[in-house]
Structure formats: structure tokens, C-alpha cells
Amino acid sequence: MAFFAYHIVPSGGHRGQAYESGTCNAPDVEAAKRHVQTVSAPGVVQTGLEVILQDSGGAEIWRGPYLGHA
């Protein structure tokens, strides 16, 4: 399992603008991507958001659309 951090931000935003942040453990990057795109974020009601995925060292490894809670 690998450790990842995520930040739900406005499209084109940076982690300092995050509406919601958290961590997850996943077996690989692909599984982490799928998880963070639909992670529960009760305080987030906006549309057009992105998720920034970071590795355990804090480097951005992926950015994609936040699809909302599945």
C-alpha cells in the first residue's frame, strides 16, 4: 500500500485554495486516482473542481476532475 494526499481545489487552483484535503492509502496510483475523484467531501458544493493527488513526499503526481461523492 502507498500513502497519498489529496486536495479538492477550484479548476486550475493550487493546494492552498483547497476546499477539502485528506489522505488515503491505495495499492497504486490508479486506485488512488479513482478513490479521490469520488471521495466524500460534505463541505464541497461547487462544480468544476479538480483533485490534486500527491505522493508521500508532497509532489503532485496527478490532477483531474472531482466527480463528486459516488
PDB file of N, CA and C in Angstrom:
ATOM      1  N   MET A   1       0.837  -1.178   0.000  1.00  0.00           N
ATOM      2  CA  MET A   1       0.000   0.000   0.000  1.00  0.00           C
ATOM      3  C   MET A   1       0.887   1.247   0.000  1.00  0.00           C
ATOM      4  N   ALA A   2       0.406   2.248  -0.690  1.00  0.00           N
ATOM      5  CA  ALA A   2       1.122   3.514  -0.751  1.00  0.00           C
ATOM      6  C   ALA A   2       0.254   4.605  -0.120  1.00  0.00           C
ATOM      7  N   PHE A   3       0.894   5.625   0.384  1.00  0.00           N
ATOM      8  CA  PHE A   3       0.229   6.741   1.046  1.00  0.00           C
ATOM      9  C   PHE A   3       0.142   7.919   0.083  1.00  0.00           C
ATOM     10  N   PHE A   4      -1.027   8.532   0.000  1.00  0.00           N
ATOM     11  CA  PHE A   4      -1.249   9.680  -0.881  1.00  0.00           C
ATOM     12  C   PHE A   4      -2.001  10.770  -0.120  1.00  0.00           C
ATOM     13  N   ALA A   5      -1.803  12.005  -0.550  1.00  0.00           N
ATOM     14  CA  ALA A   5      -2.591  13.136  -0.051  1.00  0.00           C
ATOM     15  C   ALA A   5      -3.383  13.685  -1.223  1.00  0.00           C
ATOM     16  N   TYR A   6      -4.544  14.269  -0.932  1.00  0.00           N
ATOM     17  CA  TYR A   6      -5.345  14.872  -1.997  1.00  0.00           C
ATOM     18  C   TYR A   6      -5.898  16.216  -1.540  1.00  0.00           C
ATOM     19  N   HIS A   7      -6.176  17.065  -2.520  1.00  0.00           N
ATOM     20  CA  HIS A   7      -6.733  18.390  -2.273  1.00  0.00           C
ATOM     21  C   HIS A   7      -7.786  18.663  -3.337  1.00  0.00           C
ATOM     22  N   ILE A   8      -8.989  19.012  -2.934  1.00  0.00           N
ATOM     23  CA  ILE A   8     -10.050  19.378  -3.870  1.00  0.00           C
ATOM     24  C   ILE A   8     -10.000  20.896  -4.009  1.00  0.00           C
ATOM     25  N   VAL A   9      -9.735  21.350  -5.231  1.00  0.00           N
ATOM     26  CA  VAL A   9      -9.471  22.769  -5.489  1.00  0.00           C
ATOM     27  C   VAL A   9     -10.326  23.276  -6.655  1.00  0.00           C
ATOM     28  N   PRO A  10     -10.433  24.612  -6.788  1.00  0.00           N
ATOM     29  CA  PRO A  10     -11.084  25.152  -7.985  1.00  0.00           C
ATOM     30  C   PRO A  10     -10.266  24.752  -9.213  1.00  0.00           C
ATOM     31  N   SER A  11     -10.898  24.626 -10.345  1.00  0.00           N
ATOM     32  CA  SER A  11     -10.198  24.258 -11.567  1.00  0.00           C
ATOM     33  C   SER A  11      -9.021  25.204 -11.795  1.00  0.00           C
ATOM     34  N   GLY A  12      -7.831  24.641 -11.970  1.00  0.00           N
ATOM     35  CA  GLY A  12      -6.621  25.428 -12.173  1.00  0.00           C
ATOM     36  C   GLY A  12      -6.007  25.956 -10.887  1.00  0.00           C
ATOM     37  N   GLY A  13      -6.605  25.621  -9.747  1.00  0.00           N
ATOM     38  CA  GLY A  13      -6.140  26.127  -8.460  1.00  0.00           C
ATOM     39  C   GLY A  13      -4.942  25.380  -7.908  1.00  0.00           C
ATOM     40  N   HIS A  14      -4.505  25.811  -6.740  1.00  0.00           N
ATOM     41  CA  HIS A  14      -3.381  25.169  -6.064  1.00  0.00           C
ATOM     42  C   HIS A  14      -3.842  24.685  -4.695  1.00  0.00           C
ATOM     43  N   ARG A  15      -3.002  23.879  -4.058  1.00  0.00           N
ATOM     44  CA  ARG A  15      -3.433  23.238  -2.803  1.00  0.00           C
ATOM     45  C   ARG A  15      -3.759  24.233  -1.702  1.00  0.00           C
ATOM     46  N   GLY A  16      -3.199  25.438  -1.762  1.00  0.00           N
ATOM     47  CA  GLY A  16      -3.529  26.466  -0.781  1.00  0.00           C
ATOM     48  C   GLY A  16      -4.971  26.941  -0.894  1.00  0.00           C
ATOM     49  N   GLN A  17      -5.628  26.643  -2.016  1.00  0.00           N
ATOM     50  CA  GLN A  17      -7.025  27.025  -2.238  1.00  0.00           C
ATOM     51  C   GLN A  17      -7.984  25.865  -1.974  1.00  0.00           C
ATOM     52  N   ALA A  18      -7.489  24.804  -1.375  1.00  0.00           N
ATOM     53  CA  ALA A  18      -8.286  23.592  -1.209  1.00  0.00           C
ATOM     54  C   ALA A  18      -9.535  23.816  -0.375  1.00  0.00           C
ATOM     55  N   TYR A  19     -10.659  23.314  -0.881  1.00  0.00           N
ATOM     56  CA  TYR A  19     -11.906  23.284  -0.128  1.00  0.00           C
ATOM     57  C   TYR A  19     -11.903  22.112   0.844  1.00  0.00           C
ATOM     58  N   GLU A  20     -11.196  21.072   0.475  1.00  0.00           N
ATOM     59  CA  GLU A  20     -11.133  19.854   1.275  1.00  0.00           C
ATOM     60  C   GLU A  20      -9.791  19.190   0.990  1.00  0.00           C
ATOM     61  N   SER A  21      -9.171  18.636   2.011  1.00  0.00           N
ATOM     62  CA  SER A  21      -7.919  17.902   1.865  1.00  0.00           C
ATOM     63  C   SER A  21      -8.012  16.631   2.695  1.00  0.00           C
ATOM     64  N   GLY A  22      -7.209  15.660   2.334  1.00  0.00           N
ATOM     65  CA  GLY A  22      -7.201  14.421   3.095  1.00  0.00           C
ATOM     66  C   GLY A  22      -6.096  13.508   2.627  1.00  0.00           C
ATOM     67  N   THR A  23      -6.113  12.304   3.150  1.00  0.00           N
ATOM     68  CA  THR A  23      -5.124  11.294   2.792  1.00  0.00           C
ATOM     69  C   THR A  23      -5.836   9.986   2.479  1.00  0.00           C
ATOM     70  N   CYS A  24      -5.131   9.138   1.773  1.00  0.00           N
ATOM     71  CA  CYS A  24      -5.651   7.795   1.516  1.00  0.00           C
ATOM     72  C   CYS A  24      -4.492   6.844   1.321  1.00  0.00           C
ATOM     73  N   ASN A  25      -4.759   5.590   1.545  1.00  0.00           N
ATOM     74  CA  ASN A  25      -3.824   4.514   1.243  1.00  0.00           C
ATOM     75  C   ASN A  25      -4.426   3.723   0.096  1.00  0.00           C
ATOM     76  N   ALA A  26      -3.610   3.413  -0.890  1.00  0.00           N
ATOM     77  CA  ALA A  26      -4.085   2.652  -2.045  1.00  0.00           C
ATOM     78  C   ALA A  26      -2.941   1.785  -2.547  1.00  0.00           C
ATOM     79  N   PRO A  27      -3.274   0.695  -3.242  1.00  0.00           N
ATOM     80  CA  PRO A  27      -2.220  -0.197  -3.729  1.00  0.00           C
ATOM     81  C   PRO A  27      -1.367   0.418  -4.832  1.00  0.00           C
ATOM     82  N   ASP A  28      -1.931   1.382  -5.583  1.00  0.00           N
ATOM     83  CA  ASP A  28      -1.177   2.013  -6.669  1.00  0.00           C
ATOM     84  C   ASP A  28      -1.815   3.351  -7.032  1.00  0.00           C
ATOM     85  N   VAL A  29      -1.169   4.086  -7.928  1.00  0.00           N
ATOM     86  CA  VAL A  29      -1.635   5.419  -8.317  1.00  0.00           C
ATOM     87  C   VAL A  29      -3.020   5.346  -8.967  1.00  0.00           C
ATOM     88  N   GLU A  30      -3.262   4.364  -9.805  1.00  0.00           N
ATOM     89  CA  GLU A  30      -4.558   4.258 -10.492  1.00  0.00           C
ATOM     90  C   GLU A  30      -5.696   4.092  -9.494  1.00  0.00           C
ATOM     91  N   ALA A  31      -5.499   3.260  -8.490  1.00  0.00           N
ATOM     92  CA  ALA A  31      -6.536   3.074  -7.469  1.00  0.00           C
ATOM     93  C   ALA A  31      -6.731   4.357  -6.668  1.00  0.00           C
ATOM     94  N   ALA A  32      -5.652   5.065  -6.373  1.00  0.00           N
ATOM     95  CA  ALA A  32      -5.752   6.331  -5.646  1.00  0.00           C
ATOM     96  C   ALA A  32      -6.512   7.361  -6.466  1.00  0.00           C
ATOM     97  N   LYS A  33      -6.254   7.427  -7.763  1.00  0.00           N
ATOM     98  CA  LYS A  33      -6.980   8.365  -8.650  1.00  0.00           C
ATOM     99  C   LYS A  33      -8.479   8.113  -8.589  1.00  0.00           C
ATOM    100  N   ARG A  34      -8.864   6.853  -8.743  1.00  0.00           N
ATOM    101  CA  ARG A  34     -10.290   6.506  -8.724  1.00  0.00           C
ATOM    102  C   ARG A  34     -10.929   6.888  -7.389  1.00  0.00           C
ATOM    103  N   HIS A  35     -10.207   6.647  -6.315  1.00  0.00           N
ATOM    104  CA  HIS A  35     -10.752   6.942  -4.986  1.00  0.00           C
ATOM    105  C   HIS A  35     -10.943   8.439  -4.779  1.00  0.00           C
ATOM    106  N   VAL A  36      -9.926   9.247  -5.063  1.00  0.00           N
ATOM    107  CA  VAL A  36     -10.009  10.674  -4.742  1.00  0.00           C
ATOM    108  C   VAL A  36     -10.975  11.433  -5.641  1.00  0.00           C
ATOM    109  N   GLN A  37     -11.276  10.906  -6.819  1.00  0.00           N
ATOM    110  CA  GLN A  37     -12.237  11.583  -7.695  1.00  0.00           C
ATOM    111  C   GLN A  37     -13.651  11.543  -7.126  1.00  0.00           C
ATOM    112  N   THR A  38     -13.926  10.583  -6.260  1.00  0.00           N
ATOM    113  CA  THR A  38     -15.277  10.434  -5.718  1.00  0.00           C
ATOM    114  C   THR A  38     -15.290  10.405  -4.195  1.00  0.00           C
ATOM    115  N   VAL A  39     -14.216  10.849  -3.561  1.00  0.00           N
ATOM    116  CA  VAL A  39     -14.150  10.863  -2.097  1.00  0.00           C
ATOM    117  C   VAL A  39     -15.243  11.770  -1.543  1.00  0.00           C
ATOM    118  N   SER A  40     -15.769  11.408  -0.404  1.00  0.00           N
ATOM    119  CA  SER A  40     -16.805  12.215   0.238  1.00  0.00           C
ATOM    120  C   SER A  40     -16.210  13.532   0.721  1.00  0.00           C
ATOM    121  N   ALA A  41     -16.850  14.628   0.348  1.00  0.00           N
ATOM    122  CA  ALA A  41     -16.423  15.962   0.772  1.00  0.00           C
ATOM    123  C   ALA A  41     -17.683  16.769   1.100  1.00  0.00           C
ATOM    124  N   PRO A  42     -18.248  16.566   2.290  1.00  0.00           N
ATOM    125  CA  PRO A  42     -19.526  17.170   2.643  1.00  0.00           C
ATOM    126  C   PRO A  42     -19.560  18.698   2.526  1.00  0.00           C
ATOM    127  N   GLY A  43     -18.445  19.359   2.740  1.00  0.00           N
ATOM    128  CA  GLY A  43     -18.428  20.810   2.678  1.00  0.00           C
ATOM    129  C   GLY A  43     -18.302  21.370   1.277  1.00  0.00           C
ATOM    130  N   VAL A  44     -18.160  20.506   0.287  1.00  0.00           N
ATOM    131  CA  VAL A  44     -17.943  20.954  -1.091  1.00  0.00           C
ATOM    132  C   VAL A  44     -19.246  20.864  -1.865  1.00  0.00           C
ATOM    133  N   VAL A  45     -19.730  22.005  -2.350  1.00  0.00           N
ATOM    134  CA  VAL A  45     -20.976  22.014  -3.112  1.00  0.00           C
ATOM    135  C   VAL A  45     -20.784  22.603  -4.505  1.00  0.00           C
ATOM    136  N   GLN A  46     -19.629  23.137  -4.775  1.00  0.00           N
ATOM    137  CA  GLN A  46     -19.334  23.734  -6.072  1.00  0.00           C
ATOM    138  C   GLN A  46     -19.149  22.680  -7.153  1.00  0.00           C
ATOM    139  N   THR A  47     -19.311  23.085  -8.395  1.00  0.00           N
ATOM    140  CA  THR A  47     -18.988  22.219  -9.524  1.00  0.00           C
ATOM    141  C   THR A  47     -17.731  22.774 -10.193  1.00  0.00           C
ATOM    142  N   GLY A  48     -17.179  22.025 -11.134  1.00  0.00           N
ATOM    143  CA  GLY A  48     -15.991  22.469 -11.847  1.00  0.00           C
ATOM    144  C   GLY A  48     -14.737  22.420 -10.995  1.00  0.00           C
ATOM    145  N   LEU A  49     -14.651  21.425 -10.125  1.00  0.00           N
ATOM    146  CA  LEU A  49     -13.497  21.305  -9.238  1.00  0.00           C
ATOM    147  C   LEU A  49     -12.525  20.248  -9.737  1.00  0.00           C
ATOM    148  N   GLU A  50     -11.305  20.337  -9.267  1.00  0.00           N
ATOM    149  CA  GLU A  50     -10.266  19.355  -9.588  1.00  0.00           C
ATOM    150  C   GLU A  50      -9.736  18.746  -8.301  1.00  0.00           C
ATOM    151  N   VAL A  51      -9.095  17.608  -8.464  1.00  0.00           N
ATOM    152  CA  VAL A  51      -8.409  16.953  -7.354  1.00  0.00           C
ATOM    153  C   VAL A  51      -6.926  16.931  -7.677  1.00  0.00           C
ATOM    154  N   ILE A  52      -6.129  17.353  -6.727  1.00  0.00           N
ATOM    155  CA  ILE A  52      -4.673  17.233  -6.834  1.00  0.00           C
ATOM    156  C   ILE A  52      -4.284  16.031  -5.995  1.00  0.00           C
ATOM    157  N   LEU A  53      -3.549  15.103  -6.591  1.00  0.00           N
ATOM    158  CA  LEU A  53      -3.061  13.916  -5.886  1.00  0.00           C
ATOM    159  C   LEU A  53      -1.562  14.072  -5.693  1.00  0.00           C
ATOM    160  N   GLN A  54      -1.113  13.875  -4.460  1.00  0.00           N
ATOM    161  CA  GLN A  54       0.302  13.998  -4.147  1.00  0.00           C
ATOM    162  C   GLN A  54       0.838  12.686  -3.596  1.00  0.00           C
ATOM    163  N   ASP A  55       2.122  12.432  -3.861  1.00  0.00           N
ATOM    164  CA  ASP A  55       2.755  11.254  -3.285  1.00  0.00           C
ATOM    165  C   ASP A  55       3.154  11.553  -1.845  1.00  0.00           C
ATOM    166  N   SER A  56       3.748  10.580  -1.183  1.00  0.00           N
ATOM    167  CA  SER A  56       4.084  10.740   0.236  1.00  0.00           C
ATOM    168  C   SER A  56       5.133  11.820   0.472  1.00  0.00           C
ATOM    169  N   GLY A  57       5.856  12.213  -0.573  1.00  0.00           N
ATOM    170  CA  GLY A  57       6.836  13.287  -0.452  1.00  0.00           C
ATOM    171  C   GLY A  57       6.258  14.661  -0.712  1.00  0.00           C
ATOM    172  N   GLY A  58       4.976  14.734  -1.079  1.00  0.00           N
ATOM    173  CA  GLY A  58       4.320  16.008  -1.322  1.00  0.00           C
ATOM    174  C   GLY A  58       4.361  16.481  -2.767  1.00  0.00           C
ATOM    175  N   ALA A  59       4.930  15.666  -3.662  1.00  0.00           N
ATOM    176  CA  ALA A  59       4.988  16.045  -5.078  1.00  0.00           C
ATOM    177  C   ALA A  59       3.647  15.759  -5.756  1.00  0.00           C
ATOM    178  N   GLU A  60       3.187  16.704  -6.579  1.00  0.00           N
ATOM    179  CA  GLU A  60       1.954  16.490  -7.335  1.00  0.00           C
ATOM    180  C   GLU A  60       2.214  15.427  -8.394  1.00  0.00           C
ATOM    181  N   ILE A  61       1.411  14.359  -8.366  1.00  0.00           N
ATOM    182  CA  ILE A  61       1.610  13.284  -9.335  1.00  0.00           C
ATOM    183  C   ILE A  61       0.448  13.145 -10.307  1.00  0.00           C
ATOM    184  N   TRP A  62      -0.658  13.801  -9.992  1.00  0.00           N
ATOM    185  CA  TRP A  62      -1.815  13.734 -10.889  1.00  0.00           C
ATOM    186  C   TRP A  62      -2.784  14.835 -10.511  1.00  0.00           C
ATOM    187  N   ARG A  63      -3.495  15.331 -11.523  1.00  0.00           N
ATOM    188  CA  ARG A  63      -4.562  16.309 -11.328  1.00  0.00           C
ATOM    189  C   ARG A  63      -5.683  15.930 -12.276  1.00  0.00           C
ATOM    190  N   GLY A  64      -6.898  15.895 -11.753  1.00  0.00           N
ATOM    191  CA  GLY A  64      -8.020  15.525 -12.609  1.00  0.00           C
ATOM    192  C   GLY A  64      -9.322  16.051 -12.034  1.00  0.00           C
ATOM    193  N   PRO A  65     -10.422  15.786 -12.727  1.00  0.00           N
ATOM    194  CA  PRO A  65     -11.723  16.310 -12.298  1.00  0.00           C
ATOM    195  C   PRO A  65     -12.213  15.646 -11.017  1.00  0.00           C
ATOM    196  N   TYR A  66     -12.828  16.460 -10.158  1.00  0.00           N
ATOM    197  CA  TYR A  66     -13.520  15.920  -8.994  1.00  0.00           C
ATOM    198  C   TYR A  66     -14.942  15.610  -9.436  1.00  0.00           C
ATOM    199  N   LEU A  67     -15.335  14.361  -9.333  1.00  0.00           N
ATOM    200  CA  LEU A  67     -16.619  13.911  -9.844  1.00  0.00           C
ATOM    201  C   LEU A  67     -17.735  13.960  -8.796  1.00  0.00           C
ATOM    202  N   GLY A  68     -17.383  14.288  -7.578  1.00  0.00           N
ATOM    203  CA  GLY A  68     -18.373  14.319  -6.510  1.00  0.00           C
ATOM    204  C   GLY A  68     -18.487  12.966  -5.847  1.00  0.00           C
ATOM    205  N   HIS A  69     -19.171  12.938  -4.731  1.00  0.00           N
ATOM    206  CA  HIS A  69     -19.346  11.718  -3.960  1.00  0.00           C
ATOM    207  C   HIS A  69     -20.193  10.718  -4.731  1.00  0.00           C
ATOM    208  N   ALA A  70     -19.650   9.536  -4.935  1.00  0.00           N
ATOM    209  CA  ALA A  70     -20.366   8.486  -5.672  1.00  0.00           C
ATOM    210  C   ALA A  70     -21.329   7.738  -4.788  1.00  0.00           C
TER     211      ALA A  70
END
